Amino acid sequence: MNYFSPQTHSHIDLMGVPLPARGDWFFTPPPFCFAMQSLEGWVSLGVETTPGQNRFTEYAYHGELEAFHLSFAYDGQTAVNGSYQLPAIGFDFAQDEYSALKKHIEAFSILQPVSVQRFLNEKKIPEWWETPIFCGWGAQFHLASVENGRAPDYARQEVYEKFLQGLDAADINPEIVVLDDKWQSTYGENCADESKWPDLPGFIAHQHALGRKVLLWLKAWDPEGIPPDECIMNAACLPVALDPSNPAYERRLRASVQRMISPEGYGADGFKIDFTARIPAGPGMNLHGDVWGLELMHLYLSILHSEAKRIKPDALIMAHTPHPYLQDVVDMIRLNDLNPRKEINPAMIRRARIASIACPTVIIDTDNWQMPDKAAWRAYTELQPELGVPSLYYATHVDATGEPLEVEDYHLIRESWARYREKEKVSKSELRRDEAGESSNSSSLPAEG
């Protein structure tokens, strides 16, 4: 959560990159809601929409001396014939900023279709979704720093086998393994790079035999390997992103999901979707369908989500998109990369709190990269069970400093994960008791008529 003077400018959008003035890419998007503090408490200014109305890419606050105004960016993608109704801005009053955000989310949720609400209420969570994760990205980065290489070059089968063998030797047992950037030959097609993964189905089958699930990392929006006529083009007629509104690309994407998820293909168990911030925005873009902004994000995620669930109903879809409009197409919210220039724990507590308010039905992945040093990593490893699913990105060293993980560090991981698993066991036991109590109470009610 960022705080700013009411006389300055701020914006909430779908985009962002880790560059100066664009460091707002950790959640893409968060809820479209500003909150103001007054002498009597807080008031939120939240965007309240119905499905189909979310065609903007940015919600901005423009502060002036004793005044302000709000704006949306539609990027010239919404045709108006006569008049157009903009989304409503809801004003909700509360004692603190988080309560103000919660009231906005509750008001927003009332506007969503009954079918979506029923889906969310009836959503069943497979137990494996809430088990500790190992993602190899930090370990890939460490190898790159040691060998003066590029981190994506280390997304290799023999490298990941060594990562996991090392964790096994330290009695660290992640139940979810994420194969990160770049296991695939192209970001658009997501076919395994056989020079790196000579037997991806065999690797995944072996992890399954060990009781683990495997997620494949996907780079959202990247058109690498996709024919230009299935891409969103800029004013210079250059492809800038894949186009989920194009039926030809949708067929390609569904076939890709089937290859990655099905037993006849690679047999993976879901996706870690990254780079959602690279969604196209700005004037002069050309795409096949009449969809833009958050609606375009929902369309892209819905294709991935629906096809994965069709093939494997318990497939897990993870992204860093904690907006309530997207929680029917995402199963897990990743808190995203850490900012090593800020205090890690307070920042991640704030992110987890915002994500849990925005998407209360969705599980939280706590992430684990990039750490400024081992001391910060140890402090966050202790905190992770309180925020969500523990996630480990390192196998042998902290990449930023080269500090090795030692006996006491592996002990800390085991202790933290054991505490998390015990917490989950108690939580599920209490939930079963509550459900049994409700069932018992309902069965004792007299029949109508």
Protein backbone atom coordinates (compact mmCIF):
# COMPACT_ATOMS: atom_id res chain seq x y z
CA MET A 1 0.00 0.00 0.00
CA ASN A 2 1.44 3.36 -1.06
CA TYR A 3 0.72 6.62 0.75
CA PHE A 4 0.87 10.00 -0.98
CA SER A 5 -0.06 13.63 -0.48
CA PRO A 6 -3.61 14.55 -1.60
CA GLN A 7 -2.10 17.34 -3.72
CA THR A 8 -0.08 14.94 -5.89
CA HIS A 9 -0.90 12.46 -8.63
CA SER A 10 -1.24 8.68 -8.33
CA HIS A 11 -2.61 5.91 -10.49
CA ILE A 12 -3.65 2.26 -10.31
CA ASP A 13 -3.25 0.32 -13.52
CA LEU A 14 -2.79 -3.05 -15.18
CA MET A 15 0.73 -2.38 -16.39
CA GLY A 16 4.19 -1.76 -15.01
CA VAL A 17 7.82 -2.77 -15.29
CA PRO A 18 10.73 -2.67 -12.81
CA LEU A 19 11.95 0.68 -14.12
CA PRO A 20 12.08 4.18 -12.59
CA ALA A 21 8.59 5.69 -12.26
CA ARG A 22 6.97 2.35 -13.19
CA GLY A 23 7.64 0.33 -10.07
CA ASP A 24 3.96 -0.40 -9.55
CA TRP A 25 3.97 -3.82 -11.20
CA PHE A 26 3.83 -6.04 -8.13
CA PHE A 27 0.04 -6.44 -8.39
CA THR A 28 -1.35 -6.10 -11.91
CA PRO A 29 -3.94 -5.13 -11.09
CA PRO A 30 -4.81 -4.55 -7.46
CA PRO A 31 -8.32 -3.29 -6.65
CA PHE A 32 -9.14 0.00 -8.35
CA CYS A 33 -9.58 1.89 -5.12
CA PHE A 34 -8.03 4.98 -3.50
CA ALA A 35 -8.57 5.80 0.17
CA MET A 36 -8.32 9.19 1.85
CA GLN A 37 -7.73 10.00 5.49
CA SER A 38 -9.72 12.74 7.18
CA LEU A 39 -9.99 13.95 10.75
CA GLU A 40 -12.91 11.55 11.30
CA GLY A 41 -11.51 8.44 9.62
CA TRP A 42 -11.05 7.11 6.10
CA VAL A 43 -13.11 7.19 2.91
CA SER A 44 -12.51 4.94 -0.10
CA LEU A 45 -13.05 5.97 -3.73
CA GLY A 46 -13.55 2.60 -5.38
CA VAL A 47 -14.52 1.75 -8.95
CA GLU A 48 -17.78 -0.23 -8.98
CA THR A 49 -18.47 -2.01 -12.26
CA THR A 50 -20.59 -4.74 -13.75
CA PRO A 51 -19.12 -7.35 -16.13
CA GLY A 52 -18.21 -5.82 -19.47
CA GLN A 53 -17.62 -2.35 -18.00
CA ASN A 54 -13.96 -2.92 -17.12
CA ARG A 55 -12.55 -1.63 -20.41
CA PHE A 56 -10.03 0.82 -18.95
CA THR A 57 -6.33 0.24 -18.28
CA GLU A 58 -5.79 2.93 -15.64
CA TYR A 59 -7.66 4.62 -12.80
CA ALA A 60 -5.93 7.86 -11.82
CA TYR A 61 -6.15 10.40 -9.01
CA HIS A 62 -5.18 13.98 -9.86
CA GLY A 63 -4.62 16.10 -6.77
CA GLU A 64 -4.72 19.90 -6.72
CA LEU A 65 -4.72 22.52 -4.01
CA GLU A 66 -7.98 21.85 -2.10
CA ALA A 67 -9.39 19.81 -5.01
CA PHE A 68 -8.94 16.61 -6.98
CA HIS A 69 -10.39 14.77 -9.95
CA LEU A 70 -10.39 11.15 -11.12
CA SER A 71 -9.91 9.72 -14.59
CA PHE A 72 -9.92 6.46 -16.56
CA ALA A 73 -7.69 5.57 -19.53
CA TYR A 74 -9.56 3.83 -22.34
CA ASP A 75 -6.74 4.10 -24.92
CA GLY A 76 -9.18 4.82 -27.76
CA GLN A 77 -10.55 1.26 -27.62
CA THR A 78 -14.13 2.09 -26.60
CA ALA A 79 -16.37 3.42 -29.35
CA VAL A 80 -19.12 5.78 -28.19
CA ASN A 81 -22.23 6.39 -30.26
CA GLY A 82 -23.99 9.28 -28.61
CA SER A 83 -23.32 8.59 -24.94
CA TYR A 84 -21.46 6.18 -22.70
CA GLN A 85 -21.96 5.40 -19.03
CA LEU A 86 -18.72 5.45 -17.07
CA PRO A 87 -18.23 3.14 -14.07
CA ALA A 88 -19.60 4.33 -10.76
CA ILE A 89 -17.30 5.57 -7.99
CA GLY A 90 -18.39 4.31 -4.60
CA PHE A 91 -17.59 6.27 -1.45
CA ASP A 92 -17.28 4.04 1.62
CA PHE A 93 -16.43 5.27 5.11
CA ALA A 94 -14.36 3.37 7.69
CA GLN A 95 -12.00 3.80 10.62
CA ASP A 96 -8.84 2.73 8.77
CA GLU A 97 -7.57 2.24 5.23
CA TYR A 98 -7.90 -1.54 5.18
CA SER A 99 -11.50 -1.41 6.42
CA ALA A 100 -12.24 1.16 3.72
CA LEU A 101 -10.81 -1.21 1.10
CA LYS A 102 -12.87 -4.09 2.50
CA LYS A 103 -16.06 -2.05 2.23
CA HIS A 104 -15.24 -1.26 -1.39
CA ILE A 105 -14.71 -4.95 -2.17
CA GLU A 106 -18.03 -5.85 -0.55
CA ALA A 107 -19.82 -3.18 -2.59
CA PHE A 108 -18.08 -4.29 -5.79
CA SER A 109 -18.99 -7.94 -5.18
CA ILE A 110 -22.70 -7.14 -4.94
CA LEU A 111 -22.61 -6.04 -8.59
CA GLN A 112 -21.23 -9.37 -9.85
CA PRO A 113 -23.51 -12.00 -11.44
CA VAL A 114 -25.19 -14.58 -9.25
CA SER A 115 -23.45 -17.37 -11.24
CA VAL A 116 -20.02 -15.98 -10.33
CA GLN A 117 -20.98 -15.60 -6.68
CA ARG A 118 -22.27 -19.18 -6.60
CA PHE A 119 -19.03 -20.41 -8.18
CA LEU A 120 -16.96 -18.63 -5.55
CA ASN A 121 -19.10 -19.86 -2.68
CA GLU A 122 -18.95 -23.46 -3.88
CA LYS A 123 -15.28 -23.42 -4.85
CA LYS A 124 -13.55 -26.51 -3.49
CA ILE A 125 -9.85 -26.30 -2.69
CA PRO A 126 -7.78 -29.47 -3.33
CA GLU A 127 -5.47 -30.11 -0.39
CA TRP A 128 -2.31 -30.05 -2.51
CA TRP A 129 -2.93 -26.41 -3.47
CA GLU A 130 -2.04 -25.43 0.09
CA THR A 131 1.29 -27.27 0.34
CA PRO A 132 4.83 -25.76 0.38
CA ILE A 133 6.34 -24.72 -2.95
CA PHE A 134 9.82 -24.85 -4.42
CA CYS A 135 10.39 -22.52 -7.38
CA GLY A 136 13.79 -22.65 -9.04
CA TRP A 137 14.08 -19.01 -10.11
CA GLY A 138 16.31 -17.80 -7.27
CA ALA A 139 18.50 -20.87 -7.62
CA GLN A 140 18.73 -20.24 -11.37
CA PHE A 141 19.80 -16.67 -10.61
CA HIS A 142 22.51 -17.89 -8.24
CA LEU A 143 24.00 -20.15 -10.91
CA ALA A 144 23.89 -17.28 -13.40
CA SER A 145 25.76 -14.99 -10.99
CA VAL A 146 28.43 -17.62 -10.31
CA GLU A 147 28.95 -18.55 -13.96
CA ASN A 148 28.35 -15.08 -15.43
CA GLY A 149 25.39 -16.38 -17.38
CA ARG A 150 21.69 -15.62 -17.83
CA ALA A 151 19.20 -16.98 -15.32
CA PRO A 152 16.76 -18.34 -17.97
CA ASP A 153 19.57 -20.49 -19.40
CA TYR A 154 19.52 -22.58 -16.19
CA ALA A 155 15.91 -23.75 -16.50
CA ARG A 156 17.24 -27.17 -17.43
CA GLN A 157 16.22 -30.69 -16.48
CA GLU A 158 19.59 -31.75 -15.06
CA VAL A 159 19.83 -28.48 -13.09
CA TYR A 160 16.39 -28.88 -11.50
CA GLU A 161 17.15 -32.51 -10.71
CA LYS A 162 20.23 -31.32 -8.79
CA PHE A 163 18.22 -28.64 -6.99
CA LEU A 164 15.71 -31.22 -5.80
CA GLN A 165 18.32 -33.83 -4.93
CA GLY A 166 20.02 -31.25 -2.73
CA LEU A 167 16.75 -30.41 -0.99
CA ASP A 168 16.03 -34.12 -0.52
CA ALA A 169 19.44 -34.53 1.12
CA ALA A 170 18.54 -31.70 3.50
CA ASP A 171 15.16 -33.36 4.25
CA ILE A 172 13.27 -30.52 2.57
CA ASN A 173 10.17 -31.85 0.80
CA PRO A 174 8.23 -29.32 -1.28
CA GLU A 175 4.94 -30.75 -2.48
CA ILE A 176 4.74 -28.31 -5.41
CA VAL A 177 7.63 -27.71 -7.83
CA VAL A 178 7.60 -24.73 -10.22
CA LEU A 179 9.70 -24.88 -13.39
CA ASP A 180 10.52 -21.23 -14.05
CA ASP A 181 11.73 -19.06 -16.94
CA LYS A 182 12.69 -20.42 -19.56
CA TRP A 183 11.84 -24.11 -19.79
CA GLN A 184 10.06 -23.49 -23.12
CA SER A 185 11.53 -22.88 -26.56
CA THR A 186 9.27 -19.86 -27.17
CA TYR A 187 7.12 -17.89 -24.73
CA GLY A 188 4.14 -17.85 -27.07
CA GLU A 189 3.90 -21.55 -27.97
CA ASN A 190 5.14 -23.04 -24.65
CA CYS A 191 6.65 -26.15 -26.20
CA ALA A 192 9.40 -27.72 -24.09
CA ASP A 193 12.90 -26.81 -25.21
CA GLU A 194 14.21 -30.33 -25.74
CA SER A 195 17.83 -29.16 -25.56
CA LYS A 196 17.08 -28.21 -21.94
CA TRP A 197 14.35 -30.73 -21.13
CA PRO A 198 15.01 -33.94 -23.06
CA ASP A 199 12.25 -35.69 -21.10
CA LEU A 200 9.87 -33.20 -19.48
CA PRO A 201 7.02 -35.77 -19.19
CA GLY A 202 9.44 -38.17 -17.48
CA PHE A 203 10.62 -35.49 -15.04
CA ILE A 204 7.02 -34.62 -14.13
CA ALA A 205 6.04 -38.29 -13.80
CA HIS A 206 8.97 -38.81 -11.41
CA GLN A 207 7.84 -35.89 -9.26
CA HIS A 208 4.33 -37.34 -9.22
CA ALA A 209 5.76 -40.64 -8.01
CA LEU A 210 7.37 -38.72 -5.13
CA GLY A 211 4.00 -37.20 -4.21
CA ARG A 212 4.68 -33.80 -5.76
CA LYS A 213 2.83 -31.63 -8.26
CA VAL A 214 4.51 -29.57 -10.99
CA LEU A 215 3.57 -26.10 -12.24
CA LEU A 216 4.91 -24.60 -15.45
CA TRP A 217 5.87 -20.91 -15.58
CA LEU A 218 4.17 -18.91 -18.33
CA LYS A 219 5.08 -15.45 -19.58
CA ALA A 220 1.78 -13.68 -20.18
CA TRP A 221 1.24 -11.65 -23.35
CA ASP A 222 4.63 -12.44 -24.94
CA PRO A 223 4.10 -13.08 -28.69
CA GLU A 224 7.39 -14.95 -29.23
CA GLY A 225 6.72 -17.73 -31.72
CA ILE A 226 3.13 -16.63 -32.50
CA PRO A 227 2.16 -15.64 -36.08
CA PRO A 228 1.70 -11.86 -36.35
CA ASP A 229 -1.90 -12.23 -37.53
CA GLU A 230 -2.75 -13.75 -34.13
CA CYS A 231 -1.19 -10.84 -32.21
CA ILE A 232 -2.16 -7.37 -31.03
CA MET A 233 -0.34 -4.89 -33.26
CA ASN A 234 0.84 -1.37 -32.54
CA ALA A 235 0.43 1.62 -34.87
CA ALA A 236 3.62 0.58 -36.71
CA CYS A 237 2.02 -2.84 -37.44
CA LEU A 238 4.48 -4.64 -35.14
CA PRO A 239 3.23 -7.42 -32.82
CA VAL A 240 3.30 -6.34 -29.18
CA ALA A 241 1.24 -9.06 -27.50
CA LEU A 242 -0.70 -12.21 -28.20
CA ASP A 243 -4.40 -11.61 -28.89
CA PRO A 244 -6.82 -13.73 -26.82
CA SER A 245 -9.76 -12.11 -28.67
CA ASN A 246 -8.61 -13.76 -31.90
CA PRO A 247 -10.31 -17.16 -32.40
CA ALA A 248 -7.22 -18.54 -34.15
CA TYR A 249 -5.01 -17.66 -31.19
CA GLU A 250 -7.58 -18.95 -28.72
CA ARG A 251 -7.49 -22.33 -30.47
CA ARG A 252 -3.69 -22.25 -30.35
CA LEU A 253 -3.69 -21.39 -26.64
CA ARG A 254 -6.17 -24.14 -25.77
CA ALA A 255 -4.08 -26.67 -27.70
CA SER A 256 -0.99 -25.45 -25.84
CA VAL A 257 -2.73 -25.87 -22.47
CA GLN A 258 -3.80 -29.37 -23.46
CA ARG A 259 -0.21 -30.26 -24.39
CA MET A 260 1.12 -28.95 -21.08
CA ILE A 261 -1.57 -30.40 -18.79
CA SER A 262 -2.85 -33.63 -20.32
CA PRO A 263 -1.42 -37.08 -19.51
CA GLU A 264 -0.77 -37.51 -23.24
CA GLY A 265 1.36 -34.36 -23.16
CA TYR A 266 3.68 -33.19 -20.41
CA GLY A 267 1.31 -34.04 -17.54
CA ALA A 268 1.84 -30.82 -15.56
CA ASP A 269 -0.57 -29.76 -12.83
CA GLY A 270 -1.05 -26.06 -13.48
CA PHE A 271 0.61 -22.76 -14.21
CA LYS A 272 2.48 -19.93 -12.57
CA ILE A 273 1.46 -16.98 -14.78
CA ASP A 274 3.96 -14.13 -14.72
CA PHE A 275 4.36 -10.79 -16.50
CA THR A 276 0.65 -9.95 -16.49
CA ALA A 277 1.92 -6.34 -16.34
CA ARG A 278 2.90 -6.63 -20.01
CA ILE A 279 -0.76 -6.39 -21.08
CA PRO A 280 -0.93 -4.03 -24.08
CA ALA A 281 -2.01 -0.46 -23.35
CA GLY A 282 -1.87 2.93 -24.96
CA PRO A 283 -3.25 4.40 -28.18
CA GLY A 284 -2.91 2.94 -31.65
CA MET A 285 -3.28 -0.74 -30.74
CA ASN A 286 -5.16 -3.08 -33.08
CA LEU A 287 -6.74 -6.36 -32.04
CA HIS A 288 -9.34 -8.74 -33.42
CA GLY A 289 -12.15 -8.39 -30.89
CA ASP A 290 -13.93 -5.57 -29.08
CA VAL A 291 -12.39 -6.00 -25.64
CA TRP A 292 -9.80 -4.00 -23.69
CA GLY A 293 -8.33 -3.28 -20.27
CA LEU A 294 -9.31 -5.50 -17.37
CA GLU A 295 -11.81 -7.27 -19.64
CA LEU A 296 -8.91 -8.34 -21.88
CA MET A 297 -7.02 -9.65 -18.84
CA HIS A 298 -10.09 -11.61 -17.75
CA LEU A 299 -10.50 -13.05 -21.24
CA TYR A 300 -6.88 -14.25 -21.41
CA LEU A 301 -6.96 -15.82 -17.94
CA SER A 302 -10.38 -17.36 -18.53
CA ILE A 303 -9.14 -19.24 -21.60
CA LEU A 304 -6.18 -20.67 -19.66
CA HIS A 305 -8.34 -21.42 -16.62
CA SER A 306 -11.27 -23.04 -18.43
CA GLU A 307 -9.11 -25.25 -20.65
CA ALA A 308 -6.92 -26.38 -17.75
CA LYS A 309 -9.98 -27.26 -15.65
CA ARG A 310 -11.59 -29.09 -18.55
CA ILE A 311 -8.56 -31.36 -18.83
CA LYS A 312 -7.58 -31.57 -15.17
CA PRO A 313 -10.25 -30.26 -12.75
CA ASP A 314 -7.77 -29.77 -9.89
CA ALA A 315 -5.25 -27.83 -12.03
CA LEU A 316 -3.83 -24.84 -10.15
CA ILE A 317 -3.72 -21.39 -11.79
CA MET A 318 -1.46 -18.85 -10.04
CA ALA A 319 -1.03 -15.16 -10.94
CA HIS A 320 -0.27 -11.85 -9.22
CA THR A 321 -3.66 -10.28 -10.04
CA PRO A 322 -5.53 -9.63 -6.75
CA HIS A 323 -8.56 -7.92 -8.27
CA PRO A 324 -11.97 -9.32 -7.29
CA TYR A 325 -13.12 -9.39 -10.93
CA LEU A 326 -10.47 -12.04 -11.64
CA GLN A 327 -10.94 -14.39 -8.72
CA ASP A 328 -13.16 -16.74 -10.73
CA VAL A 329 -10.26 -17.40 -13.16
CA VAL A 330 -7.34 -17.55 -10.70
CA ASP A 331 -6.89 -20.06 -7.86
CA MET A 332 -3.82 -18.62 -6.13
CA ILE A 333 -2.55 -15.06 -5.75
CA ARG A 334 1.21 -14.75 -5.74
CA LEU A 335 2.51 -11.83 -3.70
CA ASN A 336 5.12 -11.37 -6.45
CA ASP A 337 8.78 -10.41 -6.30
CA LEU A 338 10.08 -8.83 -3.14
CA ASN A 339 11.48 -5.31 -3.27
CA PRO A 340 15.02 -5.58 -1.82
CA ARG A 341 15.17 -1.80 -1.39
CA LYS A 342 12.34 -1.88 1.18
CA GLU A 343 11.88 -3.67 4.50
CA ILE A 344 10.75 -7.12 3.39
CA ASN A 345 8.43 -8.29 6.17
CA PRO A 346 6.31 -5.14 6.61
CA ALA A 347 5.87 -4.85 2.83
CA MET A 348 4.80 -8.47 2.41
CA ILE A 349 2.40 -8.26 5.35
CA ARG A 350 0.72 -5.33 3.60
CA ARG A 351 0.57 -7.19 0.28
CA ALA A 352 -0.90 -10.29 1.90
CA ARG A 353 -3.50 -8.20 3.71
CA ILE A 354 -4.57 -6.43 0.51
CA ALA A 355 -4.72 -9.71 -1.44
CA SER A 356 -6.80 -11.46 1.24
CA ILE A 357 -9.26 -8.54 1.35
CA ALA A 358 -9.50 -8.26 -2.43
CA CYS A 359 -9.85 -11.99 -3.15
CA PRO A 360 -10.99 -13.73 0.04
CA THR A 361 -11.66 -17.05 -1.73
CA VAL A 362 -8.15 -17.30 -3.24
CA ILE A 363 -5.05 -18.89 -1.70
CA ILE A 364 -1.90 -16.77 -1.22
CA ASP A 365 1.57 -17.81 -2.43
CA THR A 366 4.08 -15.86 -0.35
CA ASP A 367 6.94 -15.81 -2.93
CA ASN A 368 10.58 -15.66 -1.80
CA TRP A 369 12.68 -13.68 -4.30
CA GLN A 370 14.71 -11.44 -4.47
CA MET A 371 16.25 -11.28 -1.02
CA PRO A 372 18.83 -8.60 -0.22
CA ASP A 373 20.74 -10.98 2.09
CA LYS A 374 20.37 -14.15 4.13
CA ALA A 375 19.27 -12.35 7.29
CA ALA A 376 16.26 -10.93 5.44
CA TRP A 377 15.57 -14.36 3.92
CA ARG A 378 15.60 -16.00 7.35
CA ALA A 379 13.26 -13.38 8.81
CA TYR A 380 10.80 -13.81 5.94
CA THR A 381 11.00 -17.60 6.05
CA GLU A 382 9.83 -17.44 9.64
CA LEU A 383 6.96 -15.12 8.70
CA GLN A 384 5.66 -16.96 5.62
CA PRO A 385 3.36 -19.46 7.41
CA GLU A 386 1.42 -16.52 8.85
CA LEU A 387 0.75 -15.02 5.41
CA GLY A 388 0.00 -17.99 3.17
CA VAL A 389 1.66 -20.93 1.45
CA PRO A 390 5.44 -20.99 2.12
CA SER A 391 7.49 -20.67 -1.03
CA LEU A 392 11.22 -21.42 -1.37
CA TYR A 393 13.20 -19.96 -4.28
CA TYR A 394 16.71 -21.00 -3.21
CA ALA A 395 18.39 -24.40 -3.10
CA THR A 396 21.96 -23.76 -1.97
CA HIS A 397 22.68 -20.01 -1.82
CA VAL A 398 21.06 -16.58 -1.59
CA ASP A 399 21.76 -15.20 -5.04
CA ALA A 400 22.19 -11.48 -4.23
CA THR A 401 25.04 -12.03 -1.77
CA GLY A 402 26.24 -15.56 -2.53
CA GLU A 403 25.71 -16.56 1.11
CA PRO A 404 25.35 -20.35 1.37
CA LEU A 405 22.40 -22.05 3.00
CA GLU A 406 23.80 -23.97 5.97
CA VAL A 407 22.52 -26.61 8.38
CA GLU A 408 20.65 -24.09 10.52
CA ASP A 409 19.03 -22.56 7.44
CA TYR A 410 17.64 -25.88 6.25
CA HIS A 411 16.46 -26.51 9.80
CA LEU A 412 14.61 -23.18 9.67
CA ILE A 413 12.85 -24.22 6.44
CA ARG A 414 11.80 -27.56 7.94
CA GLU A 415 10.58 -25.89 11.13
CA SER A 416 8.68 -23.18 9.25
CA TRP A 417 7.03 -25.65 6.90
CA ALA A 418 6.14 -27.99 9.78
CA ARG A 419 4.50 -25.07 11.59
CA TYR A 420 2.57 -24.18 8.45
CA ARG A 421 1.42 -27.79 7.89
CA GLU A 422 0.26 -28.06 11.51
CA LYS A 423 -1.60 -24.77 11.18
CA GLU A 424 -3.33 -26.02 8.02
CA LYS A 425 -4.23 -29.31 9.71
CA VAL A 426 -5.85 -27.50 12.63
CA SER A 427 -7.66 -25.10 10.29
CA LYS A 428 -9.08 -27.93 8.18
CA SER A 429 -10.11 -29.86 11.29
CA GLU A 430 -12.00 -26.82 12.60
CA LEU A 431 -13.63 -26.33 9.20
CA ARG A 432 -14.81 -29.95 9.10
CA ARG A 433 -16.25 -29.57 12.60
CA ASP A 434 -18.09 -26.41 11.56
CA GLU A 435 -19.45 -28.07 8.44
CA ALA A 436 -20.54 -31.11 10.43
CA GLY A 437 -22.27 -28.84 12.92
CA GLU A 438 -24.11 -26.99 10.16
CA SER A 439 -25.15 -30.29 8.61
CA SER A 440 -26.39 -31.59 11.93
CA ASN A 441 -28.31 -28.41 12.66
CA SER A 442 -29.86 -28.33 9.22
CA SER A 443 -30.94 -31.98 9.47
CA SER A 444 -32.82 -31.27 12.68
CA LEU A 445 -34.93 -28.52 11.15
CA PRO A 446 -38.57 -29.47 10.54
CA ALA A 447 -39.51 -30.11 6.93
CA GLU A 448 -41.52 -27.45 5.16
CA GLY A 449 -45.14 -28.09 4.21
